[in-house]
Amino acid sequence: MKKVLFAVCMLFTMALGAQTTMGSKYIGGTLGFNSTKSKADGAEALTSWSLNPELGYFIADNLALGVELSISGGSQGDNSTSGFGGGVYARKFMSATDNLNFFIGANVGYSGSTDKVKVGGTTVESKENTLGAFLDLGLTYAVSEKWTIIGRLGTLGFSSVSNPDNDQDGSSSFGLNVNTFGNPFSVGMYYSF
């Protein structure tokens, strides 16, 4: 199943590629979808999706600045979640071959989400705001002069979650996630112009 989902992400991730020379621009992002069905009696399928468009500009050879949006949603029976956010990043690229580059990025982002959970006959709504900063490691592969596939291999960062309706509710975390072809691996494409 993971191979099928990976193939779907590769096909439908309308993210567009970057030449790494000063003055180059790119547009792209990632698209994700997941559906999980438990075999337990009466279990409802959990469905989630995400869309992360981004725009970047090379301010120098091998150094890009970019902005991205994050739009997400999900549902399980009568329960649902939705989120919206954005962030900025800087990425330093290092060439391995003519087509393959590695990058390290510094990212800062903010997002807000709303969960709606049905309890009895009442829907309870809760909100969260998340502020995060992290470094990421990734790679790009130019499949043509204009199109590039991008993948994130790992992250090191900090996030702080708060509830705008309750100052006493919140958390913060610091973590390192290094993984190939699993969470937090994400893949997308860029189109250079």
Protein backbone atom coordinates (compact mmCIF):
# COMPACT_ATOMS: atom_id res chain seq x y z
CA MET A 1 0.00 0.00 0.00
CA LYS A 2 2.87 2.39 0.80
CA LYS A 3 4.28 1.82 -2.70
CA VAL A 4 0.92 2.67 -4.25
CA LEU A 5 0.58 5.84 -2.16
CA PHE A 6 4.15 6.83 -3.02
CA ALA A 7 3.41 6.32 -6.74
CA VAL A 8 0.21 8.39 -6.47
CA CYS A 9 2.11 11.20 -4.74
CA MET A 10 4.73 11.10 -7.48
CA LEU A 11 2.09 11.31 -10.21
CA PHE A 12 -0.20 13.90 -8.67
CA THR A 13 2.24 16.11 -6.80
CA MET A 14 2.04 19.13 -9.01
CA ALA A 15 5.21 20.72 -7.71
CA LEU A 16 7.49 22.42 -10.14
CA GLY A 17 11.38 22.46 -10.48
CA ALA A 18 14.19 24.90 -9.93
CA GLN A 19 17.33 25.67 -11.82
CA THR A 20 19.80 26.87 -9.22
CA THR A 21 21.14 29.99 -10.94
CA MET A 22 20.65 33.55 -9.70
CA GLY A 23 17.42 35.09 -11.00
CA SER A 24 15.65 31.75 -11.60
CA LYS A 25 12.10 31.46 -10.27
CA TYR A 26 10.01 28.39 -9.59
CA ILE A 27 6.47 27.47 -8.67
CA GLY A 28 5.28 24.15 -7.34
CA GLY A 29 4.50 22.30 -4.17
CA THR A 30 3.14 19.03 -2.91
CA LEU A 31 -0.22 17.32 -2.80
CA GLY A 32 -1.09 14.54 -0.37
CA PHE A 33 -4.00 12.19 0.24
CA ASN A 34 -4.43 9.36 2.73
CA SER A 35 -7.30 7.03 3.58
CA THR A 36 -7.11 4.47 6.38
CA LYS A 37 -9.78 1.87 7.16
CA SER A 38 -9.54 -0.21 10.32
CA LYS A 39 -10.78 -3.81 10.29
CA ALA A 40 -12.44 -3.31 13.69
CA ASP A 41 -16.24 -3.60 13.75
CA GLY A 42 -17.95 -0.24 13.29
CA ALA A 43 -14.70 1.62 12.55
CA GLU A 44 -15.03 4.60 10.26
CA ALA A 45 -12.46 5.35 7.55
CA LEU A 46 -10.01 8.16 8.32
CA THR A 47 -9.39 10.37 5.30
CA SER A 48 -6.93 13.26 5.14
CA TRP A 49 -5.52 15.52 2.42
CA SER A 50 -3.03 18.34 2.09
CA LEU A 51 -2.04 20.91 -0.51
CA ASN A 52 1.21 22.88 -0.15
CA PRO A 53 1.84 25.31 -3.03
CA GLU A 54 5.07 27.31 -3.01
CA LEU A 55 6.94 29.99 -4.93
CA GLY A 56 10.70 30.54 -4.85
CA TYR A 57 13.41 32.80 -6.24
CA PHE A 58 17.18 32.28 -6.44
CA ILE A 59 18.76 35.39 -4.91
CA ALA A 60 22.22 33.97 -5.73
CA ASP A 61 23.54 30.86 -7.45
CA ASN A 62 22.50 27.85 -5.33
CA LEU A 63 20.60 29.98 -2.75
CA ALA A 64 16.79 30.26 -2.90
CA LEU A 65 14.20 32.12 -0.83
CA GLY A 66 10.60 30.95 -0.93
CA VAL A 67 7.10 31.17 0.50
CA GLU A 68 4.60 28.38 0.86
CA LEU A 69 0.99 27.88 1.90
CA SER A 70 -0.40 24.89 3.75
CA ILE A 71 -4.02 23.84 3.32
CA SER A 72 -5.26 20.60 4.87
CA GLY A 73 -8.36 18.74 5.92
CA GLY A 74 -9.61 15.42 7.12
CA SER A 75 -12.61 13.51 8.33
CA GLN A 76 -13.61 10.38 10.19
CA GLY A 77 -17.34 9.84 10.42
CA ASP A 78 -18.93 12.97 11.94
CA ASN A 79 -15.53 14.35 13.04
CA SER A 80 -13.50 16.69 10.87
CA THR A 81 -10.39 18.84 10.89
CA SER A 82 -9.21 21.71 8.70
CA GLY A 83 -6.08 23.80 8.67
CA PHE A 84 -4.46 26.73 6.93
CA GLY A 85 -1.02 28.23 7.27
CA GLY A 86 2.06 29.56 5.59
CA GLY A 87 5.77 29.92 5.91
CA VAL A 88 9.02 31.23 4.49
CA TYR A 89 12.27 29.41 3.83
CA ALA A 90 15.84 29.71 2.57
CA ARG A 91 17.57 26.76 0.85
CA LYS A 92 21.24 26.26 0.07
CA PHE A 93 21.83 23.81 -2.81
CA MET A 94 24.93 21.64 -3.34
CA SER A 95 25.42 19.87 -6.67
CA ALA A 96 26.11 16.11 -6.70
CA THR A 97 25.71 15.57 -10.48
CA ASP A 98 24.40 17.61 -13.40
CA ASN A 99 20.83 16.64 -12.47
CA LEU A 100 21.04 15.86 -8.74
CA ASN A 101 21.34 18.48 -5.99
CA PHE A 102 21.18 18.21 -2.21
CA PHE A 103 19.88 21.09 -0.11
CA ILE A 104 19.67 22.23 3.46
CA GLY A 105 16.87 24.64 4.33
CA ALA A 106 15.88 26.93 7.18
CA ASN A 107 12.10 27.25 7.58
CA VAL A 108 9.69 29.28 9.72
CA GLY A 109 5.93 28.77 9.57
CA TYR A 110 2.60 29.37 11.23
CA SER A 111 -0.64 27.41 10.93
CA GLY A 112 -4.05 27.29 12.49
CA SER A 113 -6.38 24.32 12.65
CA THR A 114 -9.93 23.61 13.75
CA ASP A 115 -11.18 20.22 14.92
CA LYS A 116 -14.89 19.41 15.11
CA VAL A 117 -15.76 16.34 17.17
CA LYS A 118 -19.30 15.08 17.63
CA VAL A 119 -19.94 14.01 21.23
CA GLY A 120 -23.44 12.63 21.70
CA GLY A 121 -25.66 15.05 19.80
CA THR A 122 -23.33 18.04 20.24
CA THR A 123 -20.42 19.12 18.06
CA VAL A 124 -17.43 20.34 20.07
CA GLU A 125 -15.01 22.65 18.26
CA SER A 126 -11.38 23.16 19.28
CA LYS A 127 -8.68 25.30 17.72
CA GLU A 128 -4.88 25.17 17.67
CA ASN A 129 -2.24 27.59 16.49
CA THR A 130 1.22 26.23 15.67
CA LEU A 131 4.43 28.21 15.26
CA GLY A 132 7.43 26.25 14.07
CA ALA A 133 11.03 26.64 12.97
CA PHE A 134 13.09 23.83 11.53
CA LEU A 135 16.01 22.83 9.35
CA ASP A 136 15.37 20.32 6.59
CA LEU A 137 17.55 18.19 4.38
CA GLY A 138 16.45 17.23 0.90
CA LEU A 139 17.33 16.58 -2.68
CA THR A 140 16.22 17.66 -6.13
CA TYR A 141 16.48 15.85 -9.43
CA ALA A 142 16.05 17.77 -12.70
CA VAL A 143 14.04 15.61 -15.11
CA SER A 144 14.23 18.32 -17.79
CA GLU A 145 15.38 21.92 -18.16
CA LYS A 146 12.14 23.21 -16.59
CA TRP A 147 10.89 20.36 -14.36
CA THR A 148 12.49 19.19 -11.11
CA ILE A 149 11.42 16.59 -8.54
CA ILE A 150 12.08 17.56 -4.92
CA GLY A 151 12.07 15.39 -1.81
CA ARG A 152 12.59 16.09 1.88
CA LEU A 153 14.62 13.50 3.75
CA GLY A 154 14.54 14.81 7.29
CA THR A 155 13.90 17.67 9.66
CA LEU A 156 15.33 19.09 12.87
CA GLY A 157 13.18 21.66 14.57
CA PHE A 158 10.97 23.19 17.21
CA SER A 159 7.23 23.80 17.33
CA SER A 160 4.91 25.47 19.79
CA VAL A 161 1.19 24.70 19.84
CA SER A 162 -1.34 26.93 21.60
CA ASN A 163 -5.09 27.09 21.97
CA PRO A 164 -6.45 30.61 21.29
CA ASP A 165 -9.48 29.87 23.48
CA ASN A 166 -7.49 28.57 26.49
CA ASP A 167 -4.12 30.03 27.57
CA GLN A 168 -3.48 26.98 29.79
CA ASP A 169 -3.71 24.52 26.88
CA GLY A 170 -0.66 24.04 24.66
CA SER A 171 2.62 22.25 24.13
CA SER A 172 6.05 22.63 22.62
CA SER A 173 8.31 20.06 21.01
CA PHE A 174 11.81 19.70 19.66
CA GLY A 175 12.74 16.81 17.45
CA LEU A 176 14.92 15.19 14.84
CA ASN A 177 13.29 13.09 12.12
CA VAL A 178 15.58 11.45 9.60
CA ASN A 179 13.88 8.95 7.39
CA THR A 180 13.98 7.84 3.78
CA PHE A 181 10.70 7.05 2.06
CA GLY A 182 8.39 7.41 5.05
CA ASN A 183 7.30 10.16 7.43
CA PRO A 184 8.51 12.89 7.22
CA PHE A 185 9.52 12.15 3.61
CA SER A 186 7.56 14.28 1.18
CA VAL A 187 7.94 14.63 -2.54
CA GLY A 188 6.90 17.28 -5.03
CA MET A 189 7.84 18.94 -8.30
CA TYR A 190 8.77 22.44 -9.40
CA TYR A 191 8.52 24.28 -12.67
CA SER A 192 11.28 26.82 -13.37
CA PHE A 193 10.61 30.00 -15.29
